[in-house]
Amino acid sequence: MTTKKIALEAIEALKIKYPEAICSLTYSDPFELLVATRLSAQCTDARVNMVTPALFERFKGIDAFAEADVEEVGQYIKSCGLYKTKAKDLVKMAQQLRENFNSTVPDTIEALTTLSGVGRKTANLIVGDVFGKPAVVVDTHCIRITRRLGLHSEKDAGKIEKILKGLLPPEESNDFCHRLVLFGREICTARNPKCDACPLNSFCLKKA
């Protein structure tokens, strides 16, 4: 079976398993998703969702974050880990949005990755979820599962993104990545994956 065929089979199987392909982060506007995604680095989405309600209540919108005290922001996000760096990034990111993008979250990966703390994973999520453009979000679940499926043998996220863009139909890529997160948490876990209960078992190469 070709990698293209494996990718298509995986898309269809995960559609059945997870009909609703939704982002796990809670947000009400593009900027809140940008903030939440930055906080999710080396932190669970569940933890981020516990932290952001109070954060967004205290700092409402781009202007509030742009004018915020970095240390105060840090106190709100302390439990997310790496909070000092993340706090600096959030304030700087808001300042950049205000100064360079008229206080609007841009809709291209190229523009988004000019923001402090925003890499291609975050940019792809924003482009896909907010603006409905084709996107490939390469997180730890995506890397692990697509490697096990035999779609690549890479560890570099940038290379994996490029490979998957060549394999996934553009209209399916964003939802597929969301489903990989759900699948990675429930079945194809990093340790002791539940292969007997896996809907991809028949064509998975089970690479580590």
N, C-alpha and C. Protein backbone atom coordinates (compact mmCIF):
# COMPACT_ATOMS: atom_id res chain seq x y z
N MET A 1 0.85 -1.20 0.00
CA MET A 1 0.00 0.00 0.00
C MET A 1 0.88 1.25 0.00
N THR A 2 0.61 2.19 -0.87
CA THR A 2 1.40 3.41 -0.94
C THR A 2 1.10 4.32 0.26
N THR A 3 2.02 5.25 0.53
CA THR A 3 1.80 6.18 1.64
C THR A 3 0.54 7.03 1.39
N LYS A 4 0.29 7.37 0.13
CA LYS A 4 -0.90 8.13 -0.20
C LYS A 4 -2.17 7.35 0.16
N LYS A 5 -2.16 6.07 -0.16
CA LYS A 5 -3.31 5.21 0.14
C LYS A 5 -3.48 5.04 1.65
N ILE A 6 -2.37 4.87 2.35
CA ILE A 6 -2.43 4.75 3.81
C ILE A 6 -3.03 6.02 4.42
N ALA A 7 -2.59 7.17 3.94
CA ALA A 7 -3.10 8.44 4.45
C ALA A 7 -4.60 8.55 4.23
N LEU A 8 -5.07 8.18 3.05
CA LEU A 8 -6.50 8.26 2.74
C LEU A 8 -7.30 7.28 3.58
N GLU A 9 -6.76 6.09 3.79
CA GLU A 9 -7.44 5.09 4.64
C GLU A 9 -7.54 5.60 6.08
N ALA A 10 -6.46 6.22 6.56
CA ALA A 10 -6.45 6.75 7.92
C ALA A 10 -7.47 7.88 8.07
N ILE A 11 -7.55 8.74 7.08
CA ILE A 11 -8.52 9.83 7.11
C ILE A 11 -9.94 9.29 7.27
N GLU A 12 -10.29 8.30 6.46
CA GLU A 12 -11.65 7.76 6.49
C GLU A 12 -11.93 7.01 7.79
N ALA A 13 -10.95 6.25 8.27
CA ALA A 13 -11.14 5.49 9.52
C ALA A 13 -11.34 6.42 10.71
N LEU A 14 -10.56 7.50 10.75
CA LEU A 14 -10.67 8.43 11.88
C LEU A 14 -11.93 9.30 11.78
N LYS A 15 -12.43 9.50 10.58
CA LYS A 15 -13.71 10.20 10.43
C LYS A 15 -14.83 9.42 11.11
N ILE A 16 -14.77 8.11 10.96
CA ILE A 16 -15.79 7.25 11.57
C ILE A 16 -15.63 7.24 13.09
N LYS A 17 -14.39 7.13 13.54
CA LYS A 17 -14.11 7.05 14.97
C LYS A 17 -14.40 8.38 15.68
N TYR A 18 -14.04 9.47 15.03
CA TYR A 18 -14.22 10.80 15.62
C TYR A 18 -14.93 11.72 14.62
N PRO A 19 -16.25 11.64 14.54
CA PRO A 19 -17.00 12.44 13.56
C PRO A 19 -16.77 13.94 13.70
N GLU A 20 -16.64 14.39 14.94
CA GLU A 20 -16.43 15.81 15.17
C GLU A 20 -14.95 16.09 15.38
N ALA A 21 -14.36 16.74 14.41
CA ALA A 21 -12.94 17.09 14.50
C ALA A 21 -12.84 18.50 15.07
N ILE A 22 -12.65 18.60 16.37
CA ILE A 22 -12.67 19.91 17.00
C ILE A 22 -11.36 20.18 17.73
N CYS A 23 -11.04 21.44 17.84
CA CYS A 23 -9.87 21.87 18.61
C CYS A 23 -10.16 21.68 20.09
N SER A 24 -9.18 21.20 20.83
CA SER A 24 -9.37 20.94 22.25
C SER A 24 -9.25 22.19 23.11
N LEU A 25 -8.74 23.25 22.54
CA LEU A 25 -8.57 24.49 23.29
C LEU A 25 -9.86 25.32 23.25
N THR A 26 -10.17 25.96 24.36
CA THR A 26 -11.36 26.79 24.46
C THR A 26 -11.01 28.24 24.16
N TYR A 27 -11.77 28.86 23.25
CA TYR A 27 -11.50 30.25 22.88
C TYR A 27 -12.76 30.87 22.29
N SER A 28 -12.80 32.20 22.26
CA SER A 28 -13.96 32.89 21.71
C SER A 28 -13.62 33.80 20.54
N ASP A 29 -12.33 33.99 20.26
CA ASP A 29 -11.93 34.80 19.11
C ASP A 29 -10.52 34.38 18.68
N PRO A 30 -10.07 34.84 17.51
CA PRO A 30 -8.76 34.42 16.99
C PRO A 30 -7.60 34.71 17.94
N PHE A 31 -7.62 35.86 18.59
CA PHE A 31 -6.52 36.19 19.50
C PHE A 31 -6.48 35.25 20.69
N GLU A 32 -7.63 34.89 21.23
CA GLU A 32 -7.66 33.96 22.36
C GLU A 32 -7.11 32.60 21.96
N LEU A 33 -7.40 32.16 20.75
CA LEU A 33 -6.83 30.88 20.29
C LEU A 33 -5.32 31.01 20.14
N LEU A 34 -4.85 32.13 19.66
CA LEU A 34 -3.42 32.36 19.53
C LEU A 34 -2.73 32.29 20.89
N VAL A 35 -3.32 32.92 21.88
CA VAL A 35 -2.79 32.89 23.24
C VAL A 35 -2.82 31.47 23.80
N ALA A 36 -3.95 30.82 23.68
CA ALA A 36 -4.09 29.47 24.22
C ALA A 36 -3.11 28.49 23.58
N THR A 37 -2.91 28.63 22.29
CA THR A 37 -1.98 27.74 21.60
C THR A 37 -0.55 27.97 22.06
N ARG A 38 -0.19 29.23 22.28
CA ARG A 38 1.15 29.52 22.82
C ARG A 38 1.31 28.90 24.20
N LEU A 39 0.29 28.96 25.01
CA LEU A 39 0.36 28.39 26.36
C LEU A 39 0.45 26.87 26.34
N SER A 40 -0.06 26.26 25.28
CA SER A 40 -0.12 24.79 25.23
C SER A 40 1.22 24.13 24.97
N ALA A 41 2.25 24.90 24.65
CA ALA A 41 3.57 24.32 24.43
C ALA A 41 4.07 23.66 25.71
N GLN A 42 4.37 22.38 25.62
CA GLN A 42 4.83 21.58 26.76
C GLN A 42 3.85 21.66 27.94
N CYS A 43 2.57 21.71 27.58
CA CYS A 43 1.51 21.76 28.58
C CYS A 43 0.26 21.13 27.97
N THR A 44 -0.57 20.52 28.78
CA THR A 44 -1.77 19.89 28.24
C THR A 44 -2.84 20.94 27.92
N ASP A 45 -3.66 20.62 26.92
CA ASP A 45 -4.78 21.51 26.58
C ASP A 45 -5.73 21.65 27.76
N ALA A 46 -5.91 20.58 28.52
CA ALA A 46 -6.81 20.63 29.67
C ALA A 46 -6.33 21.66 30.69
N ARG A 47 -5.04 21.69 30.93
CA ARG A 47 -4.48 22.67 31.87
C ARG A 47 -4.65 24.09 31.33
N VAL A 48 -4.39 24.28 30.05
CA VAL A 48 -4.56 25.60 29.43
C VAL A 48 -5.99 26.08 29.59
N ASN A 49 -6.95 25.18 29.36
CA ASN A 49 -8.36 25.55 29.47
C ASN A 49 -8.77 25.91 30.90
N MET A 50 -8.00 25.43 31.87
CA MET A 50 -8.25 25.80 33.27
C MET A 50 -7.71 27.19 33.58
N VAL A 51 -6.67 27.57 32.87
CA VAL A 51 -5.97 28.82 33.15
C VAL A 51 -6.57 30.01 32.40
N THR A 52 -6.99 29.80 31.16
CA THR A 52 -7.37 30.94 30.31
C THR A 52 -8.62 31.72 30.74
N PRO A 53 -9.63 31.12 31.38
CA PRO A 53 -10.79 31.95 31.75
C PRO A 53 -10.40 33.15 32.62
N ALA A 54 -9.60 32.93 33.64
CA ALA A 54 -9.18 34.04 34.51
C ALA A 54 -8.25 35.00 33.77
N LEU A 55 -7.39 34.44 32.94
CA LEU A 55 -6.45 35.26 32.16
C LEU A 55 -7.20 36.20 31.22
N PHE A 56 -8.19 35.67 30.51
CA PHE A 56 -8.94 36.48 29.55
C PHE A 56 -9.92 37.43 30.24
N GLU A 57 -10.29 37.12 31.45
CA GLU A 57 -11.15 38.03 32.22
C GLU A 57 -10.33 39.24 32.68
N ARG A 58 -9.08 38.98 33.05
CA ARG A 58 -8.20 40.07 33.51
C ARG A 58 -7.68 40.92 32.35
N PHE A 59 -7.30 40.26 31.27
CA PHE A 59 -6.76 40.97 30.12
C PHE A 59 -7.67 40.72 28.91
N LYS A 60 -8.52 41.69 28.63
CA LYS A 60 -9.53 41.51 27.60
C LYS A 60 -9.08 42.10 26.27
N GLY A 61 -8.55 41.23 25.41
CA GLY A 61 -8.19 41.66 24.08
C GLY A 61 -6.74 42.05 23.88
N ILE A 62 -6.41 42.36 22.65
CA ILE A 62 -5.04 42.64 22.25
C ILE A 62 -4.46 43.85 22.98
N ASP A 63 -5.23 44.94 23.07
CA ASP A 63 -4.72 46.14 23.73
C ASP A 63 -4.36 45.88 25.19
N ALA A 64 -5.20 45.14 25.87
CA ALA A 64 -4.95 44.85 27.29
C ALA A 64 -3.67 44.03 27.47
N PHE A 65 -3.46 43.06 26.60
CA PHE A 65 -2.23 42.26 26.68
C PHE A 65 -1.02 43.11 26.30
N ALA A 66 -1.17 43.97 25.31
CA ALA A 66 -0.05 44.80 24.85
C ALA A 66 0.42 45.75 25.95
N GLU A 67 -0.49 46.16 26.81
CA GLU A 67 -0.16 47.11 27.88
C GLU A 67 0.05 46.42 29.23
N ALA A 68 -0.02 45.11 29.24
CA ALA A 68 0.06 44.36 30.49
C ALA A 68 1.47 44.31 31.07
N ASP A 69 1.53 44.13 32.36
CA ASP A 69 2.80 43.88 33.04
C ASP A 69 3.15 42.41 32.87
N VAL A 70 4.34 42.14 32.37
CA VAL A 70 4.74 40.77 32.06
C VAL A 70 4.67 39.88 33.31
N GLU A 71 5.10 40.39 34.43
CA GLU A 71 5.10 39.59 35.66
C GLU A 71 3.68 39.24 36.09
N GLU A 72 2.77 40.16 35.91
CA GLU A 72 1.37 39.88 36.29
C GLU A 72 0.79 38.81 35.37
N VAL A 73 1.05 38.92 34.07
CA VAL A 73 0.60 37.87 33.14
C VAL A 73 1.17 36.53 33.57
N GLY A 74 2.43 36.53 33.95
CA GLY A 74 3.09 35.29 34.37
C GLY A 74 2.41 34.63 35.55
N GLN A 75 1.88 35.42 36.47
CA GLN A 75 1.21 34.86 37.64
C GLN A 75 -0.07 34.11 37.25
N TYR A 76 -0.72 34.57 36.21
CA TYR A 76 -1.96 33.92 35.75
C TYR A 76 -1.69 32.61 35.02
N ILE A 77 -0.51 32.47 34.44
CA ILE A 77 -0.22 31.30 33.61
C ILE A 77 0.85 30.40 34.22
N LYS A 78 1.14 30.61 35.48
CA LYS A 78 2.26 29.93 36.14
C LYS A 78 2.17 28.41 36.03
N SER A 79 0.96 27.87 36.14
CA SER A 79 0.81 26.41 36.15
C SER A 79 0.98 25.79 34.76
N CYS A 80 1.11 26.61 33.73
CA CYS A 80 1.30 26.09 32.36
C CYS A 80 2.76 25.72 32.07
N GLY A 81 3.67 26.10 32.98
CA GLY A 81 5.08 25.82 32.74
C GLY A 81 5.72 26.85 31.82
N LEU A 82 7.02 27.03 31.99
CA LEU A 82 7.77 28.00 31.19
C LEU A 82 7.06 29.35 31.18
N TYR A 83 6.45 29.70 32.30
CA TYR A 83 5.54 30.83 32.32
C TYR A 83 6.23 32.18 32.10
N LYS A 84 7.48 32.31 32.49
CA LYS A 84 8.17 33.59 32.30
C LYS A 84 8.38 33.89 30.82
N THR A 85 8.82 32.87 30.09
CA THR A 85 9.02 33.03 28.64
C THR A 85 7.69 33.24 27.94
N LYS A 86 6.69 32.45 28.32
CA LYS A 86 5.37 32.57 27.69
C LYS A 86 4.75 33.94 27.96
N ALA A 87 4.90 34.45 29.16
CA ALA A 87 4.35 35.75 29.49
C ALA A 87 4.98 36.86 28.64
N LYS A 88 6.29 36.79 28.49
CA LYS A 88 6.99 37.77 27.64
C LYS A 88 6.49 37.68 26.20
N ASP A 89 6.32 36.45 25.71
CA ASP A 89 5.86 36.25 24.34
C ASP A 89 4.45 36.80 24.14
N LEU A 90 3.57 36.57 25.11
CA LEU A 90 2.19 37.02 24.96
C LEU A 90 2.09 38.54 24.89
N VAL A 91 2.83 39.21 25.75
CA VAL A 91 2.80 40.67 25.74
C VAL A 91 3.43 41.21 24.46
N LYS A 92 4.57 40.67 24.08
CA LYS A 92 5.25 41.11 22.86
C LYS A 92 4.39 40.82 21.63
N MET A 93 3.77 39.65 21.60
CA MET A 93 2.92 39.25 20.49
C MET A 93 1.76 40.25 20.32
N ALA A 94 1.15 40.64 21.42
CA ALA A 94 0.05 41.60 21.36
C ALA A 94 0.54 42.96 20.86
N GLN A 95 1.72 43.35 21.31
CA GLN A 95 2.30 44.62 20.86
C GLN A 95 2.57 44.59 19.35
N GLN A 96 3.07 43.46 18.87
CA GLN A 96 3.34 43.31 17.44
C GLN A 96 2.06 43.33 16.62
N LEU A 97 1.02 42.70 17.14
CA LEU A 97 -0.27 42.71 16.44
C LEU A 97 -0.81 44.13 16.35
N ARG A 98 -0.66 44.87 17.41
CA ARG A 98 -1.16 46.24 17.42
C ARG A 98 -0.35 47.15 16.50
N GLU A 99 0.96 46.96 16.53
CA GLU A 99 1.85 47.84 15.76
C GLU A 99 1.93 47.48 14.28
N ASN A 100 1.91 46.19 14.00
CA ASN A 100 2.17 45.75 12.62
C ASN A 100 0.94 45.24 11.87
N PHE A 101 -0.12 44.87 12.60
CA PHE A 101 -1.27 44.26 11.94
C PHE A 101 -2.60 44.91 12.33
N ASN A 102 -2.54 46.15 12.78
CA ASN A 102 -3.76 46.90 13.09
C ASN A 102 -4.64 46.15 14.09
N SER A 103 -4.01 45.52 15.06
CA SER A 103 -4.71 44.78 16.13
C SER A 103 -5.61 43.68 15.59
N THR A 104 -5.15 43.06 14.50
CA THR A 104 -5.89 41.96 13.88
C THR A 104 -4.97 40.76 13.71
N VAL A 105 -5.46 39.58 14.02
CA VAL A 105 -4.67 38.37 13.82
C VAL A 105 -4.57 38.09 12.32
N PRO A 106 -3.36 38.02 11.77
CA PRO A 106 -3.22 37.80 10.33
C PRO A 106 -3.62 36.39 9.91
N ASP A 107 -3.86 36.23 8.60
CA ASP A 107 -4.40 34.95 8.12
C ASP A 107 -3.41 34.14 7.28
N THR A 108 -2.12 34.44 7.39
CA THR A 108 -1.12 33.65 6.67
C THR A 108 -0.06 33.13 7.62
N ILE A 109 0.50 32.00 7.29
CA ILE A 109 1.56 31.42 8.11
C ILE A 109 2.78 32.33 8.13
N GLU A 110 3.07 32.94 7.00
CA GLU A 110 4.23 33.82 6.90
C GLU A 110 4.11 35.00 7.86
N ALA A 111 2.94 35.60 7.92
CA ALA A 111 2.73 36.74 8.82
C ALA A 111 2.68 36.29 10.28
N LEU A 112 2.00 35.21 10.55
CA LEU A 112 1.86 34.73 11.93
C LEU A 112 3.20 34.37 12.55
N THR A 113 4.09 33.78 11.77
CA THR A 113 5.38 33.35 12.31
C THR A 113 6.35 34.51 12.55
N THR A 114 5.93 35.74 12.23
CA THR A 114 6.74 36.89 12.62
C THR A 114 6.44 37.31 14.05
N LEU A 115 5.40 36.75 14.64
CA LEU A 115 5.00 37.11 16.00
C LEU A 115 5.85 36.37 17.02
N SER A 116 6.09 37.00 18.13
CA SER A 116 6.91 36.43 19.19
C SER A 116 6.32 35.12 19.72
N GLY A 117 7.11 34.06 19.70
CA GLY A 117 6.67 32.77 20.24
C GLY A 117 5.80 31.94 19.34
N VAL A 118 5.54 32.42 18.12
CA VAL A 118 4.65 31.70 17.21
C VAL A 118 5.47 30.95 16.16
N GLY A 119 5.37 29.63 16.20
CA GLY A 119 6.03 28.79 15.21
C GLY A 119 5.02 28.27 14.20
N ARG A 120 5.47 27.37 13.36
CA ARG A 120 4.60 26.88 12.29
C ARG A 120 3.43 26.06 12.82
N LYS A 121 3.61 25.35 13.92
CA LYS A 121 2.51 24.56 14.47
C LYS A 121 1.35 25.49 14.88
N THR A 122 1.67 26.52 15.63
CA THR A 122 0.66 27.49 16.05
C THR A 122 0.05 28.20 14.85
N ALA A 123 0.90 28.61 13.93
CA ALA A 123 0.42 29.34 12.75
C ALA A 123 -0.54 28.48 11.92
N ASN A 124 -0.20 27.21 11.74
CA ASN A 124 -1.08 26.31 10.99
C ASN A 124 -2.42 26.14 11.69
N LEU A 125 -2.40 26.06 13.00
CA LEU A 125 -3.66 25.90 13.74
C LEU A 125 -4.56 27.13 13.54
N ILE A 126 -3.99 28.30 13.62
CA ILE A 126 -4.76 29.53 13.43
C ILE A 126 -5.31 29.61 12.01
N VAL A 127 -4.44 29.36 11.05
CA VAL A 127 -4.84 29.44 9.64
C VAL A 127 -5.97 28.44 9.33
N GLY A 128 -5.86 27.25 9.90
CA GLY A 128 -6.87 26.22 9.64
C GLY A 128 -8.16 26.44 10.40
N ASP A 129 -8.07 26.68 11.70
CA ASP A 129 -9.27 26.76 12.53
C ASP A 129 -10.00 28.10 12.40
N VAL A 130 -9.26 29.17 12.31
CA VAL A 130 -9.88 30.49 12.28
C VAL A 130 -10.27 30.89 10.86
N PHE A 131 -9.37 30.63 9.91
CA PHE A 131 -9.58 31.13 8.57
C PHE A 131 -9.99 30.06 7.55
N GLY A 132 -10.08 28.82 8.01
CA GLY A 132 -10.58 27.75 7.15
C GLY A 132 -9.70 27.41 5.97
N LYS A 133 -8.41 27.69 6.09
CA LYS A 133 -7.48 27.36 5.01
C LYS A 133 -6.86 25.99 5.27
N PRO A 134 -6.39 25.32 4.22
CA PRO A 134 -5.70 24.04 4.42
C PRO A 134 -4.50 24.22 5.35
N ALA A 135 -4.36 23.33 6.32
CA ALA A 135 -3.27 23.44 7.28
C ALA A 135 -2.89 22.08 7.81
N VAL A 136 -1.64 21.94 8.18
CA VAL A 136 -1.15 20.70 8.79
C VAL A 136 -0.48 21.06 10.11
N VAL A 137 -1.12 20.70 11.20
CA VAL A 137 -0.60 21.00 12.53
C VAL A 137 0.24 19.81 13.01
N VAL A 138 1.54 19.99 13.02
CA VAL A 138 2.44 18.90 13.38
C VAL A 138 2.80 19.01 14.86
N ASP A 139 2.02 18.32 15.69
CA ASP A 139 2.33 18.26 17.12
C ASP A 139 2.87 16.88 17.45
N THR A 140 3.03 16.59 18.72
CA THR A 140 3.63 15.30 19.11
C THR A 140 2.77 14.12 18.68
N HIS A 141 1.46 14.27 18.75
CA HIS A 141 0.57 13.19 18.32
C HIS A 141 0.72 12.93 16.82
N CYS A 142 0.72 14.00 16.06
CA CYS A 142 0.86 13.88 14.61
C CYS A 142 2.18 13.21 14.24
N ILE A 143 3.26 13.66 14.85
CA ILE A 143 4.58 13.08 14.56
C ILE A 143 4.58 11.59 14.85
N ARG A 144 4.13 11.22 16.04
CA ARG A 144 4.16 9.82 16.48
C ARG A 144 3.29 8.92 15.61
N ILE A 145 2.06 9.34 15.38
CA ILE A 145 1.10 8.47 14.69
C ILE A 145 1.42 8.34 13.21
N THR A 146 1.73 9.44 12.57
CA THR A 146 2.03 9.34 11.13
C THR A 146 3.32 8.57 10.89
N ARG A 147 4.22 8.62 11.83
CA ARG A 147 5.44 7.82 11.73
C ARG A 147 5.13 6.33 11.89
N ARG A 148 4.30 6.01 12.86
CA ARG A 148 3.89 4.62 13.06
C ARG A 148 3.15 4.07 11.85
N LEU A 149 2.38 4.93 11.22
CA LEU A 149 1.65 4.51 10.01
C LEU A 149 2.57 4.27 8.82
N GLY A 150 3.79 4.75 8.92
CA GLY A 150 4.73 4.58 7.82
C GLY A 150 4.66 5.68 6.78
N LEU A 151 4.04 6.81 7.14
CA LEU A 151 3.92 7.91 6.19
C LEU A 151 5.24 8.66 6.01
N HIS A 152 6.14 8.47 6.96
CA HIS A 152 7.48 9.08 6.89
C HIS A 152 8.37 8.43 7.94
N SER A 153 9.63 8.77 7.90
CA SER A 153 10.57 8.28 8.92
C SER A 153 11.30 9.47 9.55
N GLU A 154 10.65 10.62 9.51
CA GLU A 154 11.27 11.86 9.97
C GLU A 154 10.95 12.15 11.44
N LYS A 155 11.76 13.01 12.03
CA LYS A 155 11.50 13.52 13.36
C LYS A 155 11.36 15.05 13.35
N ASP A 156 11.81 15.66 12.28
CA ASP A 156 11.76 17.11 12.15
C ASP A 156 10.36 17.56 11.73
N ALA A 157 9.76 18.44 12.52
CA ALA A 157 8.38 18.86 12.26
C ALA A 157 8.21 19.54 10.92
N GLY A 158 9.18 20.34 10.53
CA GLY A 158 9.09 21.04 9.25
C GLY A 158 9.06 20.08 8.07
N LYS A 159 9.91 19.05 8.12
CA LYS A 159 9.94 18.05 7.05
C LYS A 159 8.65 17.24 7.03
N ILE A 160 8.14 16.92 8.21
CA ILE A 160 6.90 16.15 8.30
C ILE A 160 5.73 16.95 7.74
N GLU A 161 5.68 18.23 8.05
CA GLU A 161 4.62 19.08 7.52
C GLU A 161 4.62 19.06 5.99
N LYS A 162 5.80 19.17 5.43
CA LYS A 162 5.92 19.18 3.96
C LYS A 162 5.46 17.85 3.36
N ILE A 163 5.85 16.75 4.00
CA ILE A 163 5.48 15.42 3.50
C ILE A 163 3.96 15.24 3.57
N LEU A 164 3.38 15.60 4.71
CA LEU A 164 1.94 15.41 4.89
C LEU A 164 1.12 16.30 3.95
N LYS A 165 1.62 17.47 3.65
CA LYS A 165 0.92 18.34 2.69
C LYS A 165 0.84 17.68 1.31
N GLY A 166 1.84 16.84 1.03
CA GLY A 166 1.84 16.14 -0.25
C GLY A 166 0.96 14.89 -0.25
N LEU A 167 0.59 14.43 0.94
CA LEU A 167 -0.19 13.20 1.05
C LEU A 167 -1.67 13.44 1.36
N LEU A 168 -1.97 14.49 2.09
CA LEU A 168 -3.34 14.73 2.56
C LEU A 168 -4.09 15.65 1.60
N PRO A 169 -5.32 15.32 1.27
CA PRO A 169 -6.14 16.26 0.50
C PRO A 169 -6.28 17.55 1.30
N PRO A 170 -6.06 18.71 0.69
CA PRO A 170 -6.07 19.98 1.43
C PRO A 170 -7.33 20.19 2.27
N GLU A 171 -8.47 19.76 1.74
CA GLU A 171 -9.72 19.98 2.46
C GLU A 171 -9.88 19.06 3.68
N GLU A 172 -9.00 18.07 3.79
CA GLU A 172 -9.08 17.11 4.91
C GLU A 172 -8.00 17.33 5.96
N SER A 173 -6.96 18.06 5.61
CA SER A 173 -5.75 18.08 6.44
C SER A 173 -5.97 18.63 7.84
N ASN A 174 -6.70 19.72 7.96
CA ASN A 174 -6.88 20.33 9.28
C ASN A 174 -7.68 19.43 10.22
N ASP A 175 -8.79 18.91 9.74
CA ASP A 175 -9.61 18.02 10.56
C ASP A 175 -8.86 16.74 10.90
N PHE A 176 -8.08 16.24 9.96
CA PHE A 176 -7.30 15.03 10.20
C PHE A 176 -6.35 15.24 11.37
N CYS A 177 -5.70 16.39 11.43
CA CYS A 177 -4.77 16.66 12.52
C CYS A 177 -5.48 16.75 13.86
N HIS A 178 -6.68 17.33 13.88
CA HIS A 178 -7.46 17.36 15.12
C HIS A 178 -7.83 15.93 15.55
N ARG A 179 -8.19 15.12 14.60
CA ARG A 179 -8.55 13.73 14.93
C ARG A 179 -7.34 12.94 15.44
N LEU A 180 -6.16 13.26 14.93
CA LEU A 180 -4.95 12.59 15.41
C LEU A 180 -4.73 12.86 16.90
N VAL A 181 -5.06 14.07 17.34
CA VAL A 181 -4.92 14.40 18.76
C VAL A 181 -5.85 13.54 19.60
N LEU A 182 -7.10 13.45 19.20
CA LEU A 182 -8.07 12.63 19.93
C LEU A 182 -7.66 11.16 19.92
N PHE A 183 -7.23 10.70 18.77
CA PHE A 183 -6.79 9.32 18.60
C PHE A 183 -5.53 9.03 19.42
N GLY A 184 -4.62 9.98 19.44
CA GLY A 184 -3.37 9.81 20.18
C GLY A 184 -3.58 9.76 21.68
N ARG A 185 -4.58 10.47 22.15
CA ARG A 185 -4.87 10.45 23.59
C ARG A 185 -5.58 9.17 24.01
N GLU A 186 -6.47 8.69 23.14
CA GLU A 186 -7.31 7.55 23.51
C GLU A 186 -6.70 6.20 23.17
N ILE A 187 -6.12 6.07 21.99
CA ILE A 187 -5.70 4.75 21.50
C ILE A 187 -4.21 4.67 21.18
N CYS A 188 -3.75 5.53 20.28
CA CYS A 188 -2.35 5.44 19.84
C CYS A 188 -1.45 6.28 20.74
N THR A 189 -1.42 5.89 22.01
CA THR A 189 -0.66 6.63 23.00
C THR A 189 0.84 6.41 22.82
N ALA A 190 1.62 7.29 23.42
CA ALA A 190 3.06 7.20 23.27
C ALA A 190 3.59 5.89 23.84
N ARG A 191 3.05 5.51 24.98
CA ARG A 191 3.45 4.25 25.62
C ARG A 191 2.26 3.29 25.63
N ASN A 192 2.53 2.06 25.36
CA ASN A 192 1.49 1.02 25.38
C ASN A 192 0.25 1.37 24.55
N PRO A 193 0.43 1.63 23.26
CA PRO A 193 -0.74 1.92 22.42
C PRO A 193 -1.71 0.74 22.39
N LYS A 194 -2.99 1.03 22.30
CA LYS A 194 -4.02 0.00 22.33
C LYS A 194 -4.27 -0.53 20.91
N CYS A 195 -3.31 -1.27 20.40
CA CYS A 195 -3.36 -1.72 19.01
C CYS A 195 -4.56 -2.64 18.73
N ASP A 196 -4.96 -3.42 19.71
CA ASP A 196 -6.09 -4.34 19.51
C ASP A 196 -7.40 -3.60 19.26
N ALA A 197 -7.48 -2.37 19.77
CA ALA A 197 -8.71 -1.58 19.61
C ALA A 197 -8.56 -0.51 18.53
N CYS A 198 -7.51 -0.61 17.74
CA CYS A 198 -7.19 0.46 16.79
C CYS A 198 -7.88 0.27 15.44
N PRO A 199 -8.59 1.29 14.96
CA PRO A 199 -9.25 1.20 13.66
C PRO A 199 -8.28 1.29 12.48
N LEU A 200 -7.01 1.59 12.77
CA LEU A 200 -6.00 1.67 11.72
C LEU A 200 -5.10 0.45 11.69
N ASN A 201 -5.41 -0.50 12.52
CA ASN A 201 -4.54 -1.67 12.72
C ASN A 201 -4.20 -2.41 11.45
N SER A 202 -5.13 -2.51 10.54
CA SER A 202 -4.93 -3.36 9.35
C SER A 202 -3.88 -2.82 8.38
N PHE A 203 -3.59 -1.52 8.46
CA PHE A 203 -2.60 -0.97 7.54
C PHE A 203 -1.49 -0.19 8.24
N CYS A 204 -1.45 -0.24 9.56
CA CYS A 204 -0.41 0.46 10.33
C CYS A 204 0.88 -0.36 10.35
N LEU A 205 2.00 0.29 10.12
CA LEU A 205 3.29 -0.40 10.15
C LEU A 205 3.87 -0.45 11.56
N LYS A 206 3.22 0.27 12.49
CA LYS A 206 3.59 0.25 13.91
C LYS A 206 5.05 0.64 14.12
N LYS A 207 5.51 1.65 13.44
CA LYS A 207 6.87 2.12 13.67
C LYS A 207 6.91 2.94 14.94
N ALA A 208 8.01 2.83 15.67
CA ALA A 208 8.15 3.56 16.92
C ALA A 208 8.33 5.04 16.66
